[in-house]
Amino acid sequence: MIIAISTALPLLVAGLLVLWTAYRASRRTLPMNFWIGVRTSATVRSEEAWTVGHAAAATAFSVGGIGLIVAAAAAVFAGEEFAIYAAMAGCAWIVVWMIVASAAAGKAAGQVSQKP
């Protein structure tokens, strides 16, 4: 059981962190920073581009975070033998949804007009 829990715990923490990011992004309260968020040439252009881009990516962030939490639950309930497969599925899931989020953020931020 220790392997399943030690596999599930990081997935759960990461999923909650991604959901927190999605919540802050959807409310347009995620400040421009070096730690968390999508950094494309379009999103780092200005504060407004950052905010608009992350608001557009919030749904994809949420889907990715929920997938990590589901993977954490699956790791615990699947047992010792299959916990690693749940972790691999969760990691693949979040990679796909972060790519989708990055594309959405870059597209939305690119449409923000550059003000002098």
N, C-alpha and C. Protein backbone atom coordinates (compact mmCIF):
# COMPACT_ATOMS: atom_id res chain seq x y z
N MET A 1 0.82 -1.20 0.00
CA MET A 1 0.00 0.00 0.00
C MET A 1 0.86 1.26 0.00
N ILE A 2 2.08 1.17 0.52
CA ILE A 2 2.95 2.33 0.60
C ILE A 2 3.34 2.83 -0.78
N ILE A 3 3.52 1.94 -1.73
CA ILE A 3 3.86 2.35 -3.10
C ILE A 3 2.69 3.09 -3.73
N ALA A 4 1.50 2.60 -3.53
CA ALA A 4 0.32 3.25 -4.11
C ALA A 4 0.13 4.64 -3.53
N ILE A 5 0.32 4.79 -2.23
CA ILE A 5 0.15 6.09 -1.59
C ILE A 5 1.26 7.04 -1.98
N SER A 6 2.49 6.55 -2.02
CA SER A 6 3.61 7.42 -2.41
C SER A 6 3.54 7.80 -3.88
N THR A 7 2.83 7.05 -4.67
CA THR A 7 2.60 7.41 -6.06
C THR A 7 1.45 8.41 -6.16
N ALA A 8 0.42 8.20 -5.38
CA ALA A 8 -0.77 9.04 -5.46
C ALA A 8 -0.58 10.43 -4.86
N LEU A 9 0.19 10.54 -3.82
CA LEU A 9 0.32 11.82 -3.12
C LEU A 9 0.89 12.94 -4.01
N PRO A 10 1.98 12.71 -4.74
CA PRO A 10 2.47 13.78 -5.62
C PRO A 10 1.48 14.13 -6.73
N LEU A 11 0.77 13.11 -7.23
CA LEU A 11 -0.24 13.38 -8.26
C LEU A 11 -1.35 14.25 -7.70
N LEU A 12 -1.77 13.96 -6.49
CA LEU A 12 -2.83 14.74 -5.85
C LEU A 12 -2.39 16.19 -5.61
N VAL A 13 -1.19 16.37 -5.10
CA VAL A 13 -0.67 17.72 -4.84
C VAL A 13 -0.55 18.50 -6.14
N ALA A 14 -0.01 17.86 -7.18
CA ALA A 14 0.13 18.53 -8.47
C ALA A 14 -1.24 18.88 -9.05
N GLY A 15 -2.20 17.97 -8.94
CA GLY A 15 -3.54 18.24 -9.44
C GLY A 15 -4.19 19.41 -8.73
N LEU A 16 -4.03 19.49 -7.41
CA LEU A 16 -4.58 20.62 -6.66
C LEU A 16 -3.90 21.93 -7.02
N LEU A 17 -2.59 21.88 -7.26
CA LEU A 17 -1.87 23.08 -7.68
C LEU A 17 -2.34 23.56 -9.05
N VAL A 18 -2.56 22.64 -9.96
CA VAL A 18 -3.05 23.01 -11.29
C VAL A 18 -4.47 23.56 -11.20
N LEU A 19 -5.31 22.96 -10.37
CA LEU A 19 -6.67 23.49 -10.19
C LEU A 19 -6.66 24.88 -9.56
N TRP A 20 -5.76 25.11 -8.61
CA TRP A 20 -5.63 26.43 -8.01
C TRP A 20 -5.21 27.45 -9.07
N THR A 21 -4.28 27.05 -9.93
CA THR A 21 -3.85 27.93 -11.03
C THR A 21 -5.02 28.23 -11.95
N ALA A 22 -5.81 27.22 -12.28
CA ALA A 22 -6.97 27.42 -13.15
C ALA A 22 -7.97 28.37 -12.52
N TYR A 23 -8.19 28.22 -11.23
CA TYR A 23 -9.11 29.10 -10.52
C TYR A 23 -8.63 30.54 -10.57
N ARG A 24 -7.36 30.76 -10.26
CA ARG A 24 -6.81 32.12 -10.28
C ARG A 24 -6.82 32.68 -11.70
N ALA A 25 -6.53 31.84 -12.69
CA ALA A 25 -6.52 32.31 -14.08
C ALA A 25 -7.93 32.68 -14.54
N SER A 26 -8.92 31.88 -14.18
CA SER A 26 -10.29 32.17 -14.61
C SER A 26 -10.82 33.45 -13.97
N ARG A 27 -10.38 33.75 -12.77
CA ARG A 27 -10.80 34.98 -12.09
C ARG A 27 -9.92 36.17 -12.46
N ARG A 28 -8.94 35.92 -13.32
CA ARG A 28 -7.99 36.95 -13.78
C ARG A 28 -7.20 37.55 -12.63
N THR A 29 -6.86 36.72 -11.66
CA THR A 29 -6.08 37.18 -10.52
C THR A 29 -4.72 36.49 -10.43
N LEU A 30 -4.31 35.79 -11.46
CA LEU A 30 -2.99 35.14 -11.47
C LEU A 30 -1.96 36.16 -11.94
N PRO A 31 -1.10 36.63 -11.04
CA PRO A 31 -0.14 37.66 -11.44
C PRO A 31 0.97 37.08 -12.30
N MET A 32 1.56 37.93 -13.11
CA MET A 32 2.71 37.53 -13.91
C MET A 32 3.84 37.18 -12.94
N ASN A 33 4.42 35.98 -13.11
CA ASN A 33 5.45 35.52 -12.18
C ASN A 33 6.38 34.54 -12.87
N PHE A 34 7.40 34.11 -12.15
CA PHE A 34 8.38 33.17 -12.71
C PHE A 34 8.10 31.72 -12.33
N TRP A 35 7.10 31.46 -11.50
CA TRP A 35 6.90 30.13 -10.96
C TRP A 35 5.81 29.33 -11.63
N ILE A 36 4.71 29.97 -11.96
CA ILE A 36 3.57 29.20 -12.43
C ILE A 36 2.87 29.96 -13.55
N GLY A 37 2.45 29.24 -14.57
CA GLY A 37 1.74 29.86 -15.68
C GLY A 37 2.35 29.48 -17.02
N VAL A 38 1.72 29.98 -18.06
CA VAL A 38 2.16 29.71 -19.44
C VAL A 38 3.03 30.87 -19.90
N ARG A 39 4.25 30.56 -20.27
CA ARG A 39 5.16 31.60 -20.75
C ARG A 39 5.44 31.40 -22.23
N THR A 40 4.68 32.08 -23.03
CA THR A 40 4.94 32.13 -24.47
C THR A 40 5.34 33.57 -24.79
N SER A 41 5.85 33.79 -25.99
CA SER A 41 6.22 35.16 -26.35
C SER A 41 5.01 36.09 -26.30
N ALA A 42 3.84 35.55 -26.57
CA ALA A 42 2.62 36.38 -26.55
C ALA A 42 2.15 36.66 -25.12
N THR A 43 2.21 35.69 -24.23
CA THR A 43 1.68 35.89 -22.88
C THR A 43 2.58 36.78 -22.02
N VAL A 44 3.86 36.80 -22.26
CA VAL A 44 4.76 37.62 -21.45
C VAL A 44 4.96 39.02 -22.02
N ARG A 45 4.25 39.34 -23.07
CA ARG A 45 4.37 40.65 -23.71
C ARG A 45 3.90 41.78 -22.80
N SER A 46 2.82 41.53 -22.03
CA SER A 46 2.29 42.56 -21.14
C SER A 46 1.43 41.89 -20.07
N GLU A 47 1.10 42.67 -19.05
CA GLU A 47 0.20 42.18 -18.00
C GLU A 47 -1.16 41.79 -18.57
N GLU A 48 -1.66 42.62 -19.49
CA GLU A 48 -2.97 42.35 -20.08
C GLU A 48 -2.93 41.06 -20.90
N ALA A 49 -1.87 40.87 -21.67
CA ALA A 49 -1.74 39.64 -22.47
C ALA A 49 -1.64 38.42 -21.54
N TRP A 50 -0.92 38.56 -20.44
CA TRP A 50 -0.80 37.47 -19.46
C TRP A 50 -2.18 37.11 -18.91
N THR A 51 -2.93 38.11 -18.50
CA THR A 51 -4.24 37.89 -17.90
C THR A 51 -5.22 37.28 -18.88
N VAL A 52 -5.28 37.85 -20.08
CA VAL A 52 -6.21 37.35 -21.10
C VAL A 52 -5.82 35.93 -21.52
N GLY A 53 -4.54 35.69 -21.71
CA GLY A 53 -4.08 34.36 -22.11
C GLY A 53 -4.41 33.30 -21.09
N HIS A 54 -4.16 33.60 -19.84
CA HIS A 54 -4.43 32.61 -18.80
C HIS A 54 -5.92 32.40 -18.58
N ALA A 55 -6.71 33.44 -18.75
CA ALA A 55 -8.16 33.25 -18.65
C ALA A 55 -8.64 32.30 -19.75
N ALA A 56 -8.07 32.41 -20.93
CA ALA A 56 -8.44 31.52 -22.03
C ALA A 56 -7.99 30.08 -21.78
N ALA A 57 -6.92 29.92 -21.03
CA ALA A 57 -6.37 28.58 -20.78
C ALA A 57 -6.97 27.92 -19.54
N ALA A 58 -7.80 28.62 -18.79
CA ALA A 58 -8.29 28.12 -17.50
C ALA A 58 -9.05 26.79 -17.62
N THR A 59 -9.85 26.63 -18.64
CA THR A 59 -10.60 25.38 -18.79
C THR A 59 -9.67 24.20 -19.02
N ALA A 60 -8.69 24.39 -19.88
CA ALA A 60 -7.72 23.31 -20.14
C ALA A 60 -6.91 23.00 -18.88
N PHE A 61 -6.53 24.03 -18.12
CA PHE A 61 -5.87 23.80 -16.84
C PHE A 61 -6.74 22.94 -15.93
N SER A 62 -8.02 23.27 -15.85
CA SER A 62 -8.94 22.53 -14.98
C SER A 62 -9.04 21.07 -15.37
N VAL A 63 -9.17 20.81 -16.66
CA VAL A 63 -9.28 19.43 -17.13
C VAL A 63 -8.01 18.66 -16.80
N GLY A 64 -6.86 19.29 -16.98
CA GLY A 64 -5.59 18.65 -16.64
C GLY A 64 -5.48 18.34 -15.16
N GLY A 65 -5.87 19.30 -14.31
CA GLY A 65 -5.80 19.09 -12.87
C GLY A 65 -6.73 18.00 -12.39
N ILE A 66 -7.94 17.98 -12.93
CA ILE A 66 -8.89 16.93 -12.56
C ILE A 66 -8.35 15.56 -12.97
N GLY A 67 -7.72 15.49 -14.13
CA GLY A 67 -7.12 14.24 -14.58
C GLY A 67 -6.04 13.74 -13.63
N LEU A 68 -5.23 14.65 -13.08
CA LEU A 68 -4.21 14.24 -12.12
C LEU A 68 -4.83 13.71 -10.84
N ILE A 69 -5.91 14.34 -10.40
CA ILE A 69 -6.57 13.88 -9.18
C ILE A 69 -7.21 12.50 -9.41
N VAL A 70 -7.79 12.31 -10.57
CA VAL A 70 -8.35 10.99 -10.91
C VAL A 70 -7.24 9.94 -10.96
N ALA A 71 -6.09 10.31 -11.53
CA ALA A 71 -4.96 9.38 -11.58
C ALA A 71 -4.47 9.04 -10.17
N ALA A 72 -4.49 10.02 -9.27
CA ALA A 72 -4.10 9.75 -7.88
C ALA A 72 -5.05 8.75 -7.23
N ALA A 73 -6.34 8.94 -7.44
CA ALA A 73 -7.33 8.01 -6.89
C ALA A 73 -7.15 6.62 -7.51
N ALA A 74 -6.91 6.60 -8.81
CA ALA A 74 -6.72 5.30 -9.48
C ALA A 74 -5.48 4.59 -8.96
N ALA A 75 -4.44 5.34 -8.64
CA ALA A 75 -3.21 4.72 -8.12
C ALA A 75 -3.48 4.04 -6.78
N VAL A 76 -4.31 4.66 -5.96
CA VAL A 76 -4.62 4.06 -4.66
C VAL A 76 -5.54 2.85 -4.82
N PHE A 77 -6.57 3.00 -5.62
CA PHE A 77 -7.55 1.92 -5.74
C PHE A 77 -7.10 0.78 -6.64
N ALA A 78 -6.17 1.04 -7.55
CA ALA A 78 -5.70 -0.02 -8.44
C ALA A 78 -4.74 -0.96 -7.72
N GLY A 79 -4.12 -0.48 -6.67
CA GLY A 79 -3.23 -1.34 -5.90
C GLY A 79 -1.79 -1.19 -6.33
N GLU A 80 -0.94 -1.90 -5.61
CA GLU A 80 0.50 -1.82 -5.81
C GLU A 80 0.95 -2.12 -7.24
N GLU A 81 0.38 -3.14 -7.84
CA GLU A 81 0.84 -3.59 -9.15
C GLU A 81 0.55 -2.58 -10.26
N PHE A 82 -0.54 -1.83 -10.13
CA PHE A 82 -0.97 -0.97 -11.22
C PHE A 82 -0.85 0.52 -10.91
N ALA A 83 -0.30 0.88 -9.75
CA ALA A 83 -0.17 2.29 -9.38
C ALA A 83 0.70 3.05 -10.37
N ILE A 84 1.75 2.42 -10.85
CA ILE A 84 2.66 3.09 -11.79
C ILE A 84 1.95 3.38 -13.11
N TYR A 85 1.05 2.51 -13.53
CA TYR A 85 0.31 2.75 -14.77
C TYR A 85 -0.65 3.94 -14.62
N ALA A 86 -1.25 4.06 -13.45
CA ALA A 86 -2.11 5.21 -13.19
C ALA A 86 -1.28 6.49 -13.20
N ALA A 87 -0.09 6.44 -12.63
CA ALA A 87 0.79 7.61 -12.62
C ALA A 87 1.21 7.99 -14.03
N MET A 88 1.55 7.01 -14.83
CA MET A 88 1.95 7.30 -16.22
C MET A 88 0.79 7.89 -17.00
N ALA A 89 -0.40 7.38 -16.80
CA ALA A 89 -1.57 7.92 -17.49
C ALA A 89 -1.83 9.36 -17.05
N GLY A 90 -1.70 9.62 -15.75
CA GLY A 90 -1.88 10.98 -15.24
C GLY A 90 -0.86 11.95 -15.81
N CYS A 91 0.37 11.51 -15.90
CA CYS A 91 1.43 12.37 -16.47
C CYS A 91 1.17 12.64 -17.95
N ALA A 92 0.78 11.63 -18.69
CA ALA A 92 0.46 11.84 -20.11
C ALA A 92 -0.73 12.79 -20.25
N TRP A 93 -1.72 12.61 -19.41
CA TRP A 93 -2.92 13.46 -19.44
C TRP A 93 -2.56 14.92 -19.23
N ILE A 94 -1.74 15.21 -18.21
CA ILE A 94 -1.42 16.60 -17.91
C ILE A 94 -0.55 17.21 -19.00
N VAL A 95 0.32 16.44 -19.60
CA VAL A 95 1.15 16.97 -20.70
C VAL A 95 0.25 17.39 -21.86
N VAL A 96 -0.69 16.55 -22.24
CA VAL A 96 -1.60 16.88 -23.34
C VAL A 96 -2.38 18.14 -23.03
N TRP A 97 -2.94 18.24 -21.83
CA TRP A 97 -3.78 19.39 -21.50
C TRP A 97 -2.97 20.66 -21.27
N MET A 98 -1.72 20.54 -20.89
CA MET A 98 -0.88 21.74 -20.78
C MET A 98 -0.49 22.25 -22.18
N ILE A 99 -0.36 21.36 -23.13
CA ILE A 99 -0.13 21.79 -24.51
C ILE A 99 -1.36 22.52 -25.03
N VAL A 100 -2.53 21.96 -24.76
CA VAL A 100 -3.78 22.62 -25.17
C VAL A 100 -3.91 23.99 -24.49
N ALA A 101 -3.60 24.06 -23.19
CA ALA A 101 -3.66 25.33 -22.46
C ALA A 101 -2.68 26.34 -23.03
N SER A 102 -1.48 25.90 -23.36
CA SER A 102 -0.48 26.80 -23.92
C SER A 102 -0.92 27.36 -25.27
N ALA A 103 -1.51 26.51 -26.08
CA ALA A 103 -2.00 26.97 -27.38
C ALA A 103 -3.13 27.99 -27.20
N ALA A 104 -4.05 27.71 -26.30
CA ALA A 104 -5.16 28.64 -26.05
C ALA A 104 -4.66 29.96 -25.49
N ALA A 105 -3.71 29.89 -24.55
CA ALA A 105 -3.17 31.12 -23.95
C ALA A 105 -2.42 31.94 -24.98
N GLY A 106 -1.60 31.30 -25.78
CA GLY A 106 -0.84 32.02 -26.80
C GLY A 106 -1.73 32.67 -27.84
N LYS A 107 -2.78 31.97 -28.25
CA LYS A 107 -3.70 32.51 -29.24
C LYS A 107 -4.44 33.72 -28.68
N ALA A 108 -4.96 33.60 -27.47
CA ALA A 108 -5.71 34.70 -26.87
C ALA A 108 -4.81 35.90 -26.57
N ALA A 109 -3.62 35.63 -26.07
CA ALA A 109 -2.69 36.72 -25.76
C ALA A 109 -2.20 37.41 -27.02
N GLY A 110 -2.08 36.66 -28.09
CA GLY A 110 -1.66 37.25 -29.36
C GLY A 110 -2.68 38.22 -29.94
N GLN A 111 -3.92 38.09 -29.54
CA GLN A 111 -4.96 38.98 -30.04
C GLN A 111 -5.08 40.27 -29.24
N VAL A 112 -4.36 40.35 -28.13
CA VAL A 112 -4.36 41.57 -27.32
C VAL A 112 -3.54 42.62 -28.08
N SER A 113 -4.15 43.75 -28.30
CA SER A 113 -3.43 44.80 -29.04
C SER A 113 -2.34 45.39 -28.16
N GLN A 114 -1.25 45.68 -28.78
CA GLN A 114 -0.11 46.26 -28.08
C GLN A 114 -0.31 47.76 -27.95
N LYS A 115 -0.45 48.26 -26.72
CA LYS A 115 -0.68 49.67 -26.50
C LYS A 115 0.67 50.37 -26.20
N PRO A 116 0.87 51.56 -26.74
CA PRO A 116 2.14 52.25 -26.51
C PRO A 116 2.28 52.76 -25.10
